[in-house]
Every structure is written in structure tokens, then in C-alpha cells.
Amino acid sequence: MVYRLTRMYWRLERKSSLICRKMMTEMMRAETTSVTDTTQAHSDVLTPEQRSRCMSRIRGKDTSPEMIVRSLVFSMGYRYRLHDRRLPGSPDLVFKSRRQVIFVHGCFWHMHNCRYGQVRPKANANFWETKRNRNVQRDLDNLTALKAAGWTHLVIWECEMKDSETLRERIRGFLL
């Protein structure tokens, strides 16, 4: 089970970002082989159109970490609803009868304290810092509103997907 989930995660991850990686590799190759002009220094290796295409592929729902958690919870025998917009933050998994929700957060986007969450983009740094800080503040507001409404929550981080047995025990402990 552990091997299958890990394999599924990396297959989905590879498939979703393959186009962006390929474009980035081609651009890097083109930059190193061509004569570089120091007056045209770019902070990004992709053109704005290519960057836009890559960014448009980043999803908020049905991400590969979310799919892993969903299949794990389903295999444990629990049934749930997805993305209930009536609740603050539109939680990823909603257990209405238990009044419990699970959020699956990406480490980069929600500034987790792991090495993936501490990455700071150099290109357009102010924009990214502001955006990520707003995500963290919105998360805190949503969790506070859920708690005030009588719901309990569990936040699962993307970096926690690697050890599915620990993840399974954490989810089981939360849902009991």
C-alpha cells in the first residue's frame, strides 16, 4: 500500500509539471548556447507566455497530495464530501456527521516550516511574499471561523505524504 501510494503521487506530480519542466529545460539550453547580452538580464528563464501557461496548470482542487489523502481515507472505510463551499476555507475533505474537516496544504503556498515551505522566489519577491502571507492569514481566519462554528480540523502538509503509515495513523487518530 505504501509503495503504491508513493508511486501514484510521483506519477501524478510528474505528469502535471512535465510540460513546464520541458519548457524550462529548453529555455535553459537555449540561453547557455546563445550569446548572452548583459543588458538584457532576465530574472526568469521563461517568457511571460510560458510562465503564464505553467502557472495556469497549478490547481487548487484535485491536487496529487489531496488525491493521496482521499484514497487513503477512502481505503480506511471513511466517507466524506469534497470542498463544501458553505464552510470557511472550503475544506478539502468534510465529514459532516462528525463535524470534522481535513485541509491538504502545499508546503510552498502555505509557508510550512519545512524546507519546501521556506523557499523564497527571487523573481518578483515582493509579490510572492505578499501572496504567501495572505494565504497564511486566510488559513488562520478560516480555522478560527471553523472552530467557532464547532468544527474540528486537521491540516495535512504536502511534505507529510512520503510516510503513508504515519499519515494513516494521524488521520485515524483524528477521525476516532
C-alpha atoms as a PDB file:
ATOM      1  CA  MET A   1       0.000   0.000   0.000  1.00  0.00           C
ATOM      2  CA  VAL A   2       2.804   2.418   0.915  1.00  0.00           C
ATOM      3  CA  TYR A   3       4.674   1.725  -2.310  1.00  0.00           C
ATOM      4  CA  ARG A   4       1.530   2.108  -4.418  1.00  0.00           C
ATOM      5  CA  LEU A   5       0.588   5.477  -2.889  1.00  0.00           C
ATOM      6  CA  THR A   6       4.114   6.820  -3.265  1.00  0.00           C
ATOM      7  CA  ARG A   7       4.257   5.662  -6.861  1.00  0.00           C
ATOM      8  CA  MET A   8       0.856   7.246  -7.576  1.00  0.00           C
ATOM      9  CA  TYR A   9       1.962  10.546  -6.018  1.00  0.00           C
ATOM     10  CA  TRP A  10       5.102  10.839  -8.093  1.00  0.00           C
ATOM     11  CA  ARG A  11       3.325   9.760 -11.288  1.00  0.00           C
ATOM     12  CA  LEU A  12       0.689  12.476 -10.846  1.00  0.00           C
ATOM     13  CA  GLU A  13       3.305  15.031  -9.866  1.00  0.00           C
ATOM     14  CA  ARG A  14       5.437  14.205 -12.896  1.00  0.00           C
ATOM     15  CA  LYS A  15       2.522  14.279 -15.301  1.00  0.00           C
ATOM     16  CA  SER A  16       1.214  17.671 -14.129  1.00  0.00           C
ATOM     17  CA  SER A  17       4.516  19.517 -14.350  1.00  0.00           C
ATOM     18  CA  LEU A  18       6.184  17.723 -17.246  1.00  0.00           C
ATOM     19  CA  ILE A  19       5.294  20.415 -19.778  1.00  0.00           C
ATOM     20  CA  CYS A  20       6.641  23.218 -17.579  1.00  0.00           C
ATOM     21  CA  ARG A  21       9.867  21.347 -16.856  1.00  0.00           C
ATOM     22  CA  LYS A  22      10.368  20.613 -20.524  1.00  0.00           C
ATOM     23  CA  MET A  23       9.899  24.271 -21.454  1.00  0.00           C
ATOM     24  CA  MET A  24      12.276  25.367 -18.689  1.00  0.00           C
ATOM     25  CA  THR A  25      14.924  22.875 -19.835  1.00  0.00           C
ATOM     26  CA  GLU A  26      14.656  24.064 -23.431  1.00  0.00           C
ATOM     27  CA  MET A  27      14.945  27.691 -22.361  1.00  0.00           C
ATOM     28  CA  MET A  28      17.980  26.975 -20.180  1.00  0.00           C
ATOM     29  CA  ARG A  29      19.632  25.120 -23.051  1.00  0.00           C
ATOM     30  CA  ALA A  30      18.892  27.989 -25.435  1.00  0.00           C
ATOM     31  CA  GLU A  31      20.307  30.555 -23.009  1.00  0.00           C
ATOM     32  CA  THR A  32      23.553  28.680 -22.464  1.00  0.00           C
ATOM     33  CA  THR A  33      24.203  28.075 -26.167  1.00  0.00           C
ATOM     34  CA  SER A  34      23.354  31.576 -27.374  1.00  0.00           C
ATOM     35  CA  VAL A  35      25.455  34.662 -26.910  1.00  0.00           C
ATOM     36  CA  THR A  36      24.186  36.447 -23.813  1.00  0.00           C
ATOM     37  CA  ASP A  37      23.728  40.184 -23.681  1.00  0.00           C
ATOM     38  CA  THR A  38      24.305  41.631 -20.223  1.00  0.00           C
ATOM     39  CA  THR A  39      21.889  44.492 -20.855  1.00  0.00           C
ATOM     40  CA  GLN A  40      19.015  42.020 -21.248  1.00  0.00           C
ATOM     41  CA  ALA A  41      19.369  40.175 -17.954  1.00  0.00           C
ATOM     42  CA  HIS A  42      16.163  38.332 -17.079  1.00  0.00           C
ATOM     43  CA  SER A  43      15.223  37.158 -13.622  1.00  0.00           C
ATOM     44  CA  ASP A  44      13.060  34.414 -15.125  1.00  0.00           C
ATOM     45  CA  VAL A  45      14.156  31.743 -17.591  1.00  0.00           C
ATOM     46  CA  LEU A  46      10.692  31.537 -19.176  1.00  0.00           C
ATOM     47  CA  THR A  47       8.921  34.067 -21.341  1.00  0.00           C
ATOM     48  CA  PRO A  48       5.798  35.644 -19.825  1.00  0.00           C
ATOM     49  CA  GLU A  49       3.587  33.467 -22.033  1.00  0.00           C
ATOM     50  CA  GLN A  50       5.363  30.279 -20.953  1.00  0.00           C
ATOM     51  CA  ARG A  51       5.277  31.313 -17.284  1.00  0.00           C
ATOM     52  CA  SER A  52       1.553  32.062 -17.609  1.00  0.00           C
ATOM     53  CA  ARG A  53       0.943  28.623 -19.073  1.00  0.00           C
ATOM     54  CA  CYS A  54       2.894  26.921 -16.267  1.00  0.00           C
ATOM     55  CA  MET A  55       1.103  28.900 -13.568  1.00  0.00           C
ATOM     56  CA  SER A  56      -2.307  28.174 -15.098  1.00  0.00           C
ATOM     57  CA  ARG A  57      -1.620  24.457 -14.607  1.00  0.00           C
ATOM     58  CA  ILE A  58      -1.360  24.840 -10.827  1.00  0.00           C
ATOM     59  CA  ARG A  59      -4.665  23.658  -9.416  1.00  0.00           C
ATOM     60  CA  GLY A  60      -6.449  24.376  -6.170  1.00  0.00           C
ATOM     61  CA  LYS A  61      -8.531  21.201  -6.216  1.00  0.00           C
ATOM     62  CA  ASP A  62      -7.736  17.576  -7.023  1.00  0.00           C
ATOM     63  CA  THR A  63      -4.001  18.054  -6.483  1.00  0.00           C
ATOM     64  CA  SER A  64      -1.835  14.961  -6.211  1.00  0.00           C
ATOM     65  CA  PRO A  65      -1.329  15.306  -2.406  1.00  0.00           C
ATOM     66  CA  GLU A  66      -5.088  15.691  -1.997  1.00  0.00           C
ATOM     67  CA  MET A  67      -5.732  12.622  -4.145  1.00  0.00           C
ATOM     68  CA  ILE A  68      -3.358  10.580  -1.976  1.00  0.00           C
ATOM     69  CA  VAL A  69      -5.146  11.643   1.216  1.00  0.00           C
ATOM     70  CA  ARG A  70      -8.538  10.972  -0.348  1.00  0.00           C
ATOM     71  CA  SER A  71      -7.607   7.461  -1.464  1.00  0.00           C
ATOM     72  CA  LEU A  72      -6.051   6.740   1.927  1.00  0.00           C
ATOM     73  CA  VAL A  73      -9.137   7.928   3.837  1.00  0.00           C
ATOM     74  CA  PHE A  74     -11.452   6.024   1.488  1.00  0.00           C
ATOM     75  CA  SER A  75      -9.412   2.831   1.889  1.00  0.00           C
ATOM     76  CA  MET A  76      -9.763   3.209   5.673  1.00  0.00           C
ATOM     77  CA  GLY A  77     -13.533   2.984   5.227  1.00  0.00           C
ATOM     78  CA  TYR A  78     -14.457   6.638   5.830  1.00  0.00           C
ATOM     79  CA  ARG A  79     -16.765   8.525   3.500  1.00  0.00           C
ATOM     80  CA  TYR A  80     -16.615  12.270   3.019  1.00  0.00           C
ATOM     81  CA  ARG A  81     -17.728  15.251   0.957  1.00  0.00           C
ATOM     82  CA  LEU A  82     -15.357  17.388  -1.091  1.00  0.00           C
ATOM     83  CA  HIS A  83     -14.816  21.143  -0.952  1.00  0.00           C
ATOM     84  CA  ASP A  84     -18.002  22.235   0.847  1.00  0.00           C
ATOM     85  CA  ARG A  85     -18.219  25.902  -0.091  1.00  0.00           C
ATOM     86  CA  ARG A  86     -20.635  26.609   2.752  1.00  0.00           C
ATOM     87  CA  LEU A  87     -17.779  26.149   5.229  1.00  0.00           C
ATOM     88  CA  PRO A  88     -14.987  28.706   5.721  1.00  0.00           C
ATOM     89  CA  GLY A  89     -11.999  27.888   3.547  1.00  0.00           C
ATOM     90  CA  SER A  90     -13.835  25.243   1.530  1.00  0.00           C
ATOM     91  CA  PRO A  91     -12.081  22.289   3.233  1.00  0.00           C
ATOM     92  CA  ASP A  92     -10.684  19.509   1.062  1.00  0.00           C
ATOM     93  CA  LEU A  93     -12.465  16.694   2.931  1.00  0.00           C
ATOM     94  CA  VAL A  94     -15.595  17.240   5.010  1.00  0.00           C
ATOM     95  CA  PHE A  95     -17.011  14.710   7.475  1.00  0.00           C
ATOM     96  CA  LYS A  96     -20.357  16.391   8.132  1.00  0.00           C
ATOM     97  CA  SER A  97     -21.788  13.925  10.655  1.00  0.00           C
ATOM     98  CA  ARG A  98     -18.593  14.138  12.721  1.00  0.00           C
ATOM     99  CA  ARG A  99     -18.226  17.909  12.238  1.00  0.00           C
ATOM    100  CA  GLN A 100     -14.614  17.383  11.193  1.00  0.00           C
ATOM    101  CA  VAL A 101     -12.650  18.679   8.210  1.00  0.00           C
ATOM    102  CA  ILE A 102      -9.276  17.963   6.654  1.00  0.00           C
ATOM    103  CA  PHE A 103      -7.206  20.516   4.764  1.00  0.00           C
ATOM    104  CA  VAL A 104      -4.362  19.367   2.497  1.00  0.00           C
ATOM    105  CA  HIS A 105      -1.878  22.223   2.139  1.00  0.00           C
ATOM    106  CA  GLY A 106       1.033  22.622  -0.234  1.00  0.00           C
ATOM    107  CA  CYS A 107       4.173  23.487   1.696  1.00  0.00           C
ATOM    108  CA  PHE A 108       5.256  26.306  -0.632  1.00  0.00           C
ATOM    109  CA  TRP A 109       1.889  28.013  -0.976  1.00  0.00           C
ATOM    110  CA  HIS A 110       1.039  27.933   2.738  1.00  0.00           C
ATOM    111  CA  MET A 111       4.590  28.568   4.064  1.00  0.00           C
ATOM    112  CA  HIS A 112       5.112  25.387   6.056  1.00  0.00           C
ATOM    113  CA  ASN A 113       8.219  25.312   8.241  1.00  0.00           C
ATOM    114  CA  CYS A 114       9.837  22.517   6.201  1.00  0.00           C
ATOM    115  CA  ARG A 115      12.499  23.100   3.571  1.00  0.00           C
ATOM    116  CA  TYR A 116       9.930  23.287   0.763  1.00  0.00           C
ATOM    117  CA  GLY A 117       7.881  25.917   2.548  1.00  0.00           C
ATOM    118  CA  GLN A 118      10.864  28.129   3.314  1.00  0.00           C
ATOM    119  CA  VAL A 119      11.807  28.612  -0.340  1.00  0.00           C
ATOM    120  CA  ARG A 120      11.676  32.266  -1.308  1.00  0.00           C
ATOM    121  CA  PRO A 121      11.369  33.061  -5.008  1.00  0.00           C
ATOM    122  CA  LYS A 122      13.914  35.611  -6.212  1.00  0.00           C
ATOM    123  CA  ALA A 123      11.875  36.789  -9.183  1.00  0.00           C
ATOM    124  CA  ASN A 124       9.129  39.208  -8.150  1.00  0.00           C
ATOM    125  CA  ALA A 125       9.928  38.571  -4.475  1.00  0.00           C
ATOM    126  CA  ASN A 126       7.571  41.212  -3.023  1.00  0.00           C
ATOM    127  CA  PHE A 127       4.585  39.836  -4.901  1.00  0.00           C
ATOM    128  CA  TRP A 128       5.243  36.266  -3.755  1.00  0.00           C
ATOM    129  CA  GLU A 129       5.895  37.248  -0.152  1.00  0.00           C
ATOM    130  CA  THR A 130       2.626  39.193  -0.012  1.00  0.00           C
ATOM    131  CA  LYS A 131       0.672  36.407  -1.717  1.00  0.00           C
ATOM    132  CA  ARG A 132       2.005  33.681   0.562  1.00  0.00           C
ATOM    133  CA  ASN A 133       1.470  35.783   3.705  1.00  0.00           C
ATOM    134  CA  ARG A 134      -2.149  36.383   2.631  1.00  0.00           C
ATOM    135  CA  ASN A 135      -2.585  32.601   2.245  1.00  0.00           C
ATOM    136  CA  VAL A 136      -1.298  32.005   5.771  1.00  0.00           C
ATOM    137  CA  GLN A 137      -3.537  34.739   7.212  1.00  0.00           C
ATOM    138  CA  ARG A 138      -6.559  33.394   5.317  1.00  0.00           C
ATOM    139  CA  ASP A 139      -5.817  29.901   6.656  1.00  0.00           C
ATOM    140  CA  LEU A 140      -5.750  31.215  10.242  1.00  0.00           C
ATOM    141  CA  ASP A 141      -9.004  33.122   9.726  1.00  0.00           C
ATOM    142  CA  ASN A 142     -10.721  30.063   8.243  1.00  0.00           C
ATOM    143  CA  LEU A 143      -9.546  27.745  11.030  1.00  0.00           C
ATOM    144  CA  THR A 144     -10.716  30.245  13.662  1.00  0.00           C
ATOM    145  CA  ALA A 145     -14.138  30.518  11.990  1.00  0.00           C
ATOM    146  CA  LEU A 146     -14.456  26.734  11.775  1.00  0.00           C
ATOM    147  CA  LYS A 147     -13.537  26.324  15.430  1.00  0.00           C
ATOM    148  CA  ALA A 148     -16.070  28.984  16.418  1.00  0.00           C
ATOM    149  CA  ALA A 149     -18.738  27.078  14.466  1.00  0.00           C
ATOM    150  CA  GLY A 150     -17.950  23.876  16.376  1.00  0.00           C
ATOM    151  CA  TRP A 151     -15.868  22.056  13.767  1.00  0.00           C
ATOM    152  CA  THR A 152     -12.536  20.355  14.397  1.00  0.00           C
ATOM    153  CA  HIS A 153      -9.835  20.400  11.760  1.00  0.00           C
ATOM    154  CA  LEU A 154      -6.707  18.585  10.673  1.00  0.00           C
ATOM    155  CA  VAL A 155      -4.092  20.164   8.402  1.00  0.00           C
ATOM    156  CA  ILE A 156      -2.006  17.740   6.362  1.00  0.00           C
ATOM    157  CA  TRP A 157       1.088  19.130   4.669  1.00  0.00           C
ATOM    158  CA  GLU A 158       2.409  18.057   1.291  1.00  0.00           C
ATOM    159  CA  CYS A 159       5.764  17.009   2.802  1.00  0.00           C
ATOM    160  CA  GLU A 160       3.965  14.516   5.076  1.00  0.00           C
ATOM    161  CA  MET A 161       2.900  12.401   2.088  1.00  0.00           C
ATOM    162  CA  LYS A 162       6.173  10.482   1.990  1.00  0.00           C
ATOM    163  CA  ASP A 163       5.409   8.358   5.065  1.00  0.00           C
ATOM    164  CA  SER A 164       1.941   6.965   4.432  1.00  0.00           C
ATOM    165  CA  GLU A 165       1.857   4.764   7.558  1.00  0.00           C
ATOM    166  CA  THR A 166       2.420   7.753   9.842  1.00  0.00           C
ATOM    167  CA  LEU A 167      -0.126   9.690   7.814  1.00  0.00           C
ATOM    168  CA  ARG A 168      -2.642   6.852   8.126  1.00  0.00           C
ATOM    169  CA  GLU A 169      -2.219   6.771  11.925  1.00  0.00           C
ATOM    170  CA  ARG A 170      -2.550  10.536  12.179  1.00  0.00           C
ATOM    171  CA  ILE A 171      -5.786  10.513  10.165  1.00  0.00           C
ATOM    172  CA  ARG A 172      -7.138   7.526  12.114  1.00  0.00           C
ATOM    173  CA  GLY A 173      -6.392   9.296  15.418  1.00  0.00           C
ATOM    174  CA  PHE A 174      -8.152  12.434  14.206  1.00  0.00           C
ATOM    175  CA  LEU A 175     -11.263  10.665  12.940  1.00  0.00           C
ATOM    176  CA  LEU A 176     -11.819   8.435  16.003  1.00  0.00           C
END
